[in-house]
Amino acid sequence: MEAVEEATEGKPKRSGKKDKYFEAVGRRKTAVARVRLFTKMEGIKINDKTLKAYFGVERFEKDVESPLEKMKIADKLGAIIKVKGGGPMAQAQAARLGIARALIEFNPVFQKRLRRLDLLTRDPRAVERKKPGLKKARRAPQWKKR
């Protein structure tokens, strides 16, 4: 009996009730970030890694943390983020938008401040498609007069 208790000590026990969270989605180019904000958690995890381990670049880390920092609740909330597609910059910006949107779910009063700080604007720029008869989206084949 004691051996069974020792084996289960390391794992957190789950009661049937799950922790309450606030969910939102952020997108940028082809990157999609699904964000869940938790009140009983600290720190940010992206794809089951810490923020520092996932990005390793301070600029991206600050980008992701900025909505929480600017609302002055970084120490009260934690986030679990699942990110797919795009490059590291697009992923960081998608996560930032997702966190900002989730903060509104958490407290609608934040919306005005987040909007003023330009953290709720979805950047619509994406790669333009290649057109038939052209080499790239706009690059035409070399033209010869004779």
N, C-alpha and C. Protein backbone atom coordinates (compact mmCIF):
# COMPACT_ATOMS: atom_id res chain seq x y z
N MET A 1 0.82 -1.19 0.00
CA MET A 1 0.00 0.00 0.00
C MET A 1 0.87 1.26 0.00
N GLU A 2 1.94 1.26 0.80
CA GLU A 2 2.81 2.43 0.89
C GLU A 2 3.53 2.70 -0.43
N ALA A 3 3.91 1.64 -1.13
CA ALA A 3 4.60 1.80 -2.41
C ALA A 3 3.70 2.50 -3.42
N VAL A 4 2.42 2.21 -3.39
CA VAL A 4 1.47 2.84 -4.31
C VAL A 4 1.35 4.33 -4.00
N GLU A 5 1.29 4.68 -2.72
CA GLU A 5 1.19 6.08 -2.31
C GLU A 5 2.43 6.86 -2.72
N GLU A 6 3.61 6.25 -2.56
CA GLU A 6 4.86 6.92 -2.92
C GLU A 6 4.92 7.17 -4.42
N ALA A 7 4.43 6.24 -5.21
CA ALA A 7 4.48 6.37 -6.66
C ALA A 7 3.57 7.51 -7.15
N THR A 8 2.47 7.74 -6.47
CA THR A 8 1.54 8.77 -6.92
C THR A 8 1.83 10.15 -6.34
N GLU A 9 2.79 10.25 -5.43
CA GLU A 9 3.09 11.54 -4.81
C GLU A 9 3.57 12.59 -5.80
N GLY A 10 4.37 12.21 -6.78
CA GLY A 10 4.95 13.16 -7.73
C GLY A 10 3.92 13.79 -8.65
N LYS A 11 2.84 13.09 -8.95
CA LYS A 11 1.84 13.60 -9.89
C LYS A 11 0.78 14.42 -9.16
N PRO A 12 0.37 15.54 -9.76
CA PRO A 12 -0.70 16.31 -9.11
C PRO A 12 -2.00 15.53 -9.15
N LYS A 13 -2.72 15.55 -8.05
CA LYS A 13 -3.98 14.83 -7.98
C LYS A 13 -5.06 15.69 -8.63
N ARG A 14 -5.89 15.04 -9.41
CA ARG A 14 -6.97 15.75 -10.09
C ARG A 14 -8.30 15.41 -9.47
N SER A 15 -8.97 16.44 -9.03
CA SER A 15 -10.35 16.20 -8.62
C SER A 15 -11.15 16.33 -9.92
N GLY A 16 -12.35 15.86 -9.95
CA GLY A 16 -13.15 15.87 -11.18
C GLY A 16 -13.28 17.26 -11.80
N LYS A 17 -13.11 18.30 -11.00
CA LYS A 17 -13.27 19.66 -11.48
C LYS A 17 -11.95 20.19 -12.03
N LYS A 18 -12.00 20.77 -13.22
CA LYS A 18 -10.79 21.33 -13.83
C LYS A 18 -10.60 22.78 -13.41
N ASP A 19 -9.36 23.27 -13.49
CA ASP A 19 -9.08 24.66 -13.17
C ASP A 19 -9.80 25.57 -14.16
N LYS A 20 -10.25 26.72 -13.67
CA LYS A 20 -10.92 27.67 -14.54
C LYS A 20 -9.87 28.40 -15.38
N TYR A 21 -10.18 28.57 -16.64
CA TYR A 21 -9.26 29.29 -17.52
C TYR A 21 -10.04 30.16 -18.49
N PHE A 22 -9.31 31.09 -19.12
CA PHE A 22 -9.88 32.00 -20.10
C PHE A 22 -9.15 31.74 -21.41
N GLU A 23 -9.90 31.45 -22.46
CA GLU A 23 -9.31 30.98 -23.72
C GLU A 23 -9.50 32.01 -24.83
N ALA A 24 -8.50 32.09 -25.71
CA ALA A 24 -8.59 32.96 -26.89
C ALA A 24 -7.60 32.46 -27.94
N VAL A 25 -7.79 32.93 -29.17
CA VAL A 25 -6.91 32.55 -30.28
C VAL A 25 -6.28 33.81 -30.86
N GLY A 26 -4.99 33.73 -31.16
CA GLY A 26 -4.29 34.83 -31.81
C GLY A 26 -3.66 34.31 -33.10
N ARG A 27 -3.67 35.14 -34.14
CA ARG A 27 -3.08 34.73 -35.42
C ARG A 27 -2.16 35.82 -35.95
N ARG A 28 -1.15 35.38 -36.73
CA ARG A 28 -0.24 36.30 -37.41
C ARG A 28 0.39 35.53 -38.55
N LYS A 29 0.25 36.02 -39.79
CA LYS A 29 0.70 35.31 -40.99
C LYS A 29 0.11 33.90 -40.97
N THR A 30 0.93 32.85 -40.91
CA THR A 30 0.37 31.49 -40.86
C THR A 30 0.45 30.90 -39.47
N ALA A 31 0.88 31.68 -38.49
CA ALA A 31 0.99 31.19 -37.11
C ALA A 31 -0.35 31.33 -36.39
N VAL A 32 -0.71 30.29 -35.65
CA VAL A 32 -1.94 30.29 -34.85
C VAL A 32 -1.57 29.91 -33.42
N ALA A 33 -1.97 30.75 -32.47
CA ALA A 33 -1.69 30.50 -31.05
C ALA A 33 -3.01 30.34 -30.30
N ARG A 34 -3.17 29.18 -29.65
CA ARG A 34 -4.34 28.95 -28.79
C ARG A 34 -3.89 29.18 -27.35
N VAL A 35 -4.46 30.19 -26.72
CA VAL A 35 -4.01 30.64 -25.39
C VAL A 35 -5.05 30.31 -24.33
N ARG A 36 -4.56 29.80 -23.20
CA ARG A 36 -5.40 29.61 -22.02
C ARG A 36 -4.74 30.30 -20.84
N LEU A 37 -5.45 31.26 -20.25
CA LEU A 37 -4.95 31.98 -19.07
C LEU A 37 -5.52 31.32 -17.82
N PHE A 38 -4.64 31.05 -16.87
CA PHE A 38 -5.03 30.42 -15.61
C PHE A 38 -4.76 31.37 -14.45
N THR A 39 -5.69 31.40 -13.49
CA THR A 39 -5.51 32.27 -12.32
C THR A 39 -4.62 31.61 -11.28
N LYS A 40 -4.58 30.27 -11.25
CA LYS A 40 -3.80 29.56 -10.23
C LYS A 40 -2.47 29.06 -10.79
N MET A 41 -1.83 29.87 -11.61
CA MET A 41 -0.59 29.43 -12.24
C MET A 41 0.29 30.67 -12.47
N GLU A 42 1.59 30.47 -12.43
CA GLU A 42 2.50 31.56 -12.74
C GLU A 42 3.37 31.16 -13.92
N GLY A 43 3.79 32.12 -14.69
CA GLY A 43 4.66 31.85 -15.82
C GLY A 43 3.89 31.51 -17.08
N ILE A 44 4.63 31.44 -18.18
CA ILE A 44 4.04 31.15 -19.48
C ILE A 44 4.71 29.91 -20.05
N LYS A 45 3.92 28.96 -20.52
CA LYS A 45 4.44 27.76 -21.17
C LYS A 45 3.95 27.75 -22.61
N ILE A 46 4.88 27.53 -23.53
CA ILE A 46 4.53 27.45 -24.94
C ILE A 46 4.91 26.06 -25.43
N ASN A 47 3.93 25.34 -25.96
CA ASN A 47 4.13 23.96 -26.43
C ASN A 47 4.89 23.12 -25.40
N ASP A 48 4.46 23.19 -24.15
CA ASP A 48 5.02 22.43 -23.02
C ASP A 48 6.47 22.80 -22.67
N LYS A 49 6.94 23.95 -23.12
CA LYS A 49 8.27 24.43 -22.76
C LYS A 49 8.12 25.80 -22.11
N THR A 50 9.13 26.19 -21.34
CA THR A 50 9.09 27.54 -20.76
C THR A 50 9.30 28.55 -21.88
N LEU A 51 8.94 29.78 -21.61
CA LEU A 51 9.07 30.85 -22.59
C LEU A 51 10.51 30.99 -23.06
N LYS A 52 11.44 30.97 -22.10
CA LYS A 52 12.86 31.11 -22.41
C LYS A 52 13.38 29.93 -23.24
N ALA A 53 12.95 28.72 -22.89
CA ALA A 53 13.40 27.53 -23.61
C ALA A 53 12.83 27.47 -25.02
N TYR A 54 11.61 27.96 -25.21
CA TYR A 54 10.97 27.87 -26.52
C TYR A 54 11.56 28.89 -27.50
N PHE A 55 11.65 30.16 -27.09
CA PHE A 55 12.14 31.19 -28.01
C PHE A 55 13.64 31.41 -27.88
N GLY A 56 14.14 31.58 -26.67
CA GLY A 56 15.56 31.81 -26.47
C GLY A 56 16.03 33.20 -26.89
N VAL A 57 15.12 34.04 -27.37
CA VAL A 57 15.46 35.40 -27.78
C VAL A 57 14.63 36.35 -26.92
N GLU A 58 15.30 37.28 -26.27
CA GLU A 58 14.63 38.17 -25.32
C GLU A 58 13.53 39.00 -25.97
N ARG A 59 13.74 39.41 -27.21
CA ARG A 59 12.74 40.24 -27.90
C ARG A 59 11.41 39.50 -28.03
N PHE A 60 11.46 38.23 -28.40
CA PHE A 60 10.24 37.44 -28.56
C PHE A 60 9.57 37.22 -27.21
N GLU A 61 10.39 36.98 -26.19
CA GLU A 61 9.86 36.75 -24.84
C GLU A 61 9.13 37.99 -24.33
N LYS A 62 9.72 39.16 -24.54
CA LYS A 62 9.09 40.42 -24.11
C LYS A 62 7.80 40.66 -24.88
N ASP A 63 7.82 40.32 -26.17
CA ASP A 63 6.64 40.47 -27.02
C ASP A 63 5.46 39.67 -26.46
N VAL A 64 5.73 38.43 -26.09
CA VAL A 64 4.68 37.54 -25.57
C VAL A 64 4.18 38.04 -24.21
N GLU A 65 5.09 38.49 -23.36
CA GLU A 65 4.72 38.92 -22.01
C GLU A 65 4.08 40.30 -21.96
N SER A 66 4.23 41.10 -23.01
CA SER A 66 3.83 42.51 -22.96
C SER A 66 2.38 42.77 -22.52
N PRO A 67 1.36 42.02 -22.98
CA PRO A 67 0.01 42.33 -22.50
C PRO A 67 -0.13 42.15 -20.98
N LEU A 68 0.47 41.10 -20.43
CA LEU A 68 0.40 40.86 -18.99
C LEU A 68 1.17 41.93 -18.22
N GLU A 69 2.34 42.31 -18.75
CA GLU A 69 3.17 43.33 -18.09
C GLU A 69 2.46 44.68 -18.08
N LYS A 70 1.87 45.05 -19.21
CA LYS A 70 1.24 46.37 -19.32
C LYS A 70 -0.04 46.47 -18.49
N MET A 71 -0.69 45.36 -18.24
CA MET A 71 -1.88 45.35 -17.38
C MET A 71 -1.49 45.15 -15.91
N LYS A 72 -0.19 44.97 -15.67
CA LYS A 72 0.37 44.78 -14.32
C LYS A 72 -0.22 43.58 -13.58
N ILE A 73 -0.42 42.48 -14.32
CA ILE A 73 -0.93 41.26 -13.68
C ILE A 73 -0.10 40.03 -14.06
N ALA A 74 1.14 40.26 -14.45
CA ALA A 74 2.00 39.15 -14.86
C ALA A 74 2.23 38.16 -13.72
N ASP A 75 2.23 38.65 -12.47
CA ASP A 75 2.47 37.77 -11.33
C ASP A 75 1.20 37.04 -10.87
N LYS A 76 0.03 37.48 -11.34
CA LYS A 76 -1.23 36.88 -10.90
C LYS A 76 -1.77 35.82 -11.86
N LEU A 77 -1.37 35.88 -13.13
CA LEU A 77 -1.89 34.96 -14.14
C LEU A 77 -0.77 34.18 -14.80
N GLY A 78 -1.09 32.97 -15.23
CA GLY A 78 -0.16 32.17 -16.00
C GLY A 78 -0.85 31.75 -17.28
N ALA A 79 -0.08 31.31 -18.26
CA ALA A 79 -0.66 30.94 -19.55
C ALA A 79 -0.05 29.66 -20.09
N ILE A 80 -0.90 28.88 -20.73
CA ILE A 80 -0.45 27.72 -21.50
C ILE A 80 -0.84 28.02 -22.94
N ILE A 81 0.16 28.01 -23.82
CA ILE A 81 -0.06 28.39 -25.21
C ILE A 81 0.36 27.25 -26.13
N LYS A 82 -0.49 26.93 -27.10
CA LYS A 82 -0.16 25.96 -28.13
C LYS A 82 -0.03 26.75 -29.43
N VAL A 83 1.16 26.69 -30.04
CA VAL A 83 1.42 27.47 -31.25
C VAL A 83 1.77 26.54 -32.39
N LYS A 84 1.22 26.85 -33.58
CA LYS A 84 1.53 26.09 -34.79
C LYS A 84 1.80 27.07 -35.93
N GLY A 85 2.65 26.66 -36.86
CA GLY A 85 2.87 27.39 -38.10
C GLY A 85 3.69 28.66 -37.94
N GLY A 86 4.13 29.20 -39.08
CA GLY A 86 4.88 30.45 -39.09
C GLY A 86 6.27 30.34 -38.51
N GLY A 87 6.95 31.46 -38.45
CA GLY A 87 8.28 31.53 -37.86
C GLY A 87 8.20 32.01 -36.43
N PRO A 88 9.35 32.14 -35.77
CA PRO A 88 9.33 32.53 -34.36
C PRO A 88 8.72 33.92 -34.12
N MET A 89 8.97 34.88 -35.00
CA MET A 89 8.42 36.22 -34.82
C MET A 89 6.89 36.19 -34.94
N ALA A 90 6.38 35.51 -35.96
CA ALA A 90 4.93 35.41 -36.14
C ALA A 90 4.29 34.66 -34.98
N GLN A 91 4.97 33.63 -34.48
CA GLN A 91 4.44 32.87 -33.35
C GLN A 91 4.37 33.74 -32.09
N ALA A 92 5.40 34.54 -31.86
CA ALA A 92 5.41 35.43 -30.69
C ALA A 92 4.30 36.46 -30.79
N GLN A 93 4.09 37.02 -31.98
CA GLN A 93 3.05 38.03 -32.15
C GLN A 93 1.65 37.41 -32.08
N ALA A 94 1.51 36.18 -32.56
CA ALA A 94 0.22 35.48 -32.45
C ALA A 94 -0.09 35.20 -30.98
N ALA A 95 0.93 34.79 -30.22
CA ALA A 95 0.75 34.53 -28.79
C ALA A 95 0.38 35.82 -28.05
N ARG A 96 1.02 36.92 -28.43
CA ARG A 96 0.73 38.22 -27.80
C ARG A 96 -0.74 38.61 -28.02
N LEU A 97 -1.22 38.45 -29.25
CA LEU A 97 -2.61 38.78 -29.56
C LEU A 97 -3.57 37.85 -28.81
N GLY A 98 -3.21 36.56 -28.74
CA GLY A 98 -4.04 35.60 -28.01
C GLY A 98 -4.15 35.93 -26.53
N ILE A 99 -3.02 36.31 -25.93
CA ILE A 99 -3.02 36.68 -24.50
C ILE A 99 -3.87 37.93 -24.29
N ALA A 100 -3.73 38.92 -25.18
CA ALA A 100 -4.51 40.15 -25.05
C ALA A 100 -6.01 39.86 -25.14
N ARG A 101 -6.39 38.99 -26.07
CA ARG A 101 -7.81 38.64 -26.21
C ARG A 101 -8.32 37.85 -25.01
N ALA A 102 -7.48 36.98 -24.46
CA ALA A 102 -7.86 36.21 -23.28
C ALA A 102 -8.00 37.12 -22.05
N LEU A 103 -7.19 38.17 -21.99
CA LEU A 103 -7.30 39.12 -20.88
C LEU A 103 -8.66 39.82 -20.87
N ILE A 104 -9.23 40.04 -22.04
CA ILE A 104 -10.56 40.65 -22.12
C ILE A 104 -11.61 39.68 -21.58
N GLU A 105 -11.42 38.38 -21.86
CA GLU A 105 -12.32 37.37 -21.30
C GLU A 105 -12.22 37.39 -19.77
N PHE A 106 -10.99 37.55 -19.29
CA PHE A 106 -10.73 37.58 -17.85
C PHE A 106 -11.35 38.81 -17.20
N ASN A 107 -11.14 39.98 -17.82
CA ASN A 107 -11.67 41.23 -17.28
C ASN A 107 -11.96 42.20 -18.43
N PRO A 108 -13.24 42.39 -18.80
CA PRO A 108 -13.60 43.25 -19.94
C PRO A 108 -13.15 44.71 -19.79
N VAL A 109 -12.83 45.14 -18.57
CA VAL A 109 -12.37 46.51 -18.34
C VAL A 109 -11.04 46.77 -19.04
N PHE A 110 -10.26 45.72 -19.26
CA PHE A 110 -8.94 45.86 -19.89
C PHE A 110 -9.03 46.24 -21.37
N GLN A 111 -10.20 46.06 -21.98
CA GLN A 111 -10.30 46.23 -23.43
C GLN A 111 -9.86 47.61 -23.90
N LYS A 112 -10.30 48.66 -23.22
CA LYS A 112 -9.96 50.02 -23.63
C LYS A 112 -8.45 50.25 -23.59
N ARG A 113 -7.82 49.81 -22.50
CA ARG A 113 -6.37 50.00 -22.35
C ARG A 113 -5.60 49.18 -23.38
N LEU A 114 -6.01 47.94 -23.60
CA LEU A 114 -5.33 47.09 -24.57
C LEU A 114 -5.48 47.64 -25.98
N ARG A 115 -6.66 48.19 -26.29
CA ARG A 115 -6.90 48.78 -27.61
C ARG A 115 -6.00 50.00 -27.79
N ARG A 116 -5.90 50.84 -26.75
CA ARG A 116 -5.06 52.04 -26.81
C ARG A 116 -3.59 51.68 -27.00
N LEU A 117 -3.17 50.57 -26.39
CA LEU A 117 -1.78 50.12 -26.51
C LEU A 117 -1.55 49.35 -27.81
N ASP A 118 -2.59 49.22 -28.63
CA ASP A 118 -2.52 48.56 -29.94
C ASP A 118 -2.19 47.07 -29.82
N LEU A 119 -2.67 46.44 -28.75
CA LEU A 119 -2.40 45.01 -28.56
C LEU A 119 -3.55 44.13 -29.04
N LEU A 120 -4.65 44.73 -29.48
CA LEU A 120 -5.80 43.95 -29.94
C LEU A 120 -5.95 43.96 -31.46
N THR A 121 -5.04 44.64 -32.14
CA THR A 121 -5.13 44.75 -33.59
C THR A 121 -4.49 43.54 -34.26
N ARG A 122 -5.25 42.85 -35.08
CA ARG A 122 -4.76 41.69 -35.83
C ARG A 122 -4.04 42.24 -37.06
N ASP A 123 -2.76 41.95 -37.21
CA ASP A 123 -1.98 42.41 -38.35
C ASP A 123 -2.39 41.58 -39.57
N PRO A 124 -3.04 42.19 -40.57
CA PRO A 124 -3.58 41.40 -41.68
C PRO A 124 -2.55 41.03 -42.76
N ARG A 125 -1.34 41.57 -42.65
CA ARG A 125 -0.35 41.32 -43.71
C ARG A 125 0.03 39.85 -43.78
N ALA A 126 0.04 39.32 -44.97
CA ALA A 126 0.45 37.93 -45.19
C ALA A 126 1.12 37.86 -46.56
N VAL A 127 1.73 36.75 -46.87
CA VAL A 127 2.44 36.58 -48.14
C VAL A 127 1.43 36.60 -49.28
N GLU A 128 1.74 37.42 -50.29
CA GLU A 128 0.86 37.51 -51.46
C GLU A 128 1.03 36.27 -52.33
N ARG A 129 -0.06 35.80 -52.91
CA ARG A 129 0.02 34.58 -53.70
C ARG A 129 0.73 34.81 -55.03
N LYS A 130 1.32 33.73 -55.57
CA LYS A 130 1.98 33.78 -56.87
C LYS A 130 0.91 33.79 -57.96
N LYS A 131 1.11 34.66 -58.97
CA LYS A 131 0.15 34.75 -60.07
C LYS A 131 0.65 33.97 -61.28
N PRO A 132 -0.28 33.38 -62.05
CA PRO A 132 0.13 32.65 -63.25
C PRO A 132 0.76 33.60 -64.28
N GLY A 133 1.80 33.12 -64.94
CA GLY A 133 2.50 33.94 -65.92
C GLY A 133 3.61 34.79 -65.32
N LEU A 134 3.68 34.84 -64.00
CA LEU A 134 4.74 35.58 -63.32
C LEU A 134 5.63 34.60 -62.56
N LYS A 135 6.87 35.04 -62.27
CA LYS A 135 7.79 34.16 -61.55
C LYS A 135 7.46 34.08 -60.07
N LYS A 136 7.05 35.22 -59.50
CA LYS A 136 6.63 35.27 -58.09
C LYS A 136 5.31 36.03 -58.04
N ALA A 137 4.99 36.62 -56.91
CA ALA A 137 3.73 37.35 -56.79
C ALA A 137 3.66 38.53 -57.76
N ARG A 138 4.77 39.26 -57.88
CA ARG A 138 4.79 40.42 -58.77
C ARG A 138 5.94 40.42 -59.77
N ARG A 139 6.92 39.57 -59.55
CA ARG A 139 8.12 39.53 -60.40
C ARG A 139 7.78 38.91 -61.76
N ALA A 140 7.87 39.75 -62.79
CA ALA A 140 7.58 39.27 -64.14
C ALA A 140 8.83 38.67 -64.77
N PRO A 141 8.66 37.77 -65.74
CA PRO A 141 9.85 37.23 -66.42
C PRO A 141 10.58 38.37 -67.15
N GLN A 142 11.88 38.17 -67.36
CA GLN A 142 12.67 39.22 -68.02
C GLN A 142 12.09 39.51 -69.40
N TRP A 143 12.00 40.80 -69.71
CA TRP A 143 11.40 41.23 -70.97
C TRP A 143 12.49 41.60 -71.96
N LYS A 144 12.35 41.12 -73.23
CA LYS A 144 13.32 41.46 -74.27
C LYS A 144 12.61 42.19 -75.39
N LYS A 145 13.19 43.32 -75.80
CA LYS A 145 12.58 44.09 -76.88
C LYS A 145 12.77 43.38 -78.22
N ARG A 146 13.97 42.80 -78.44
CA ARG A 146 14.26 42.09 -79.69
C ARG A 146 14.69 40.67 -79.45
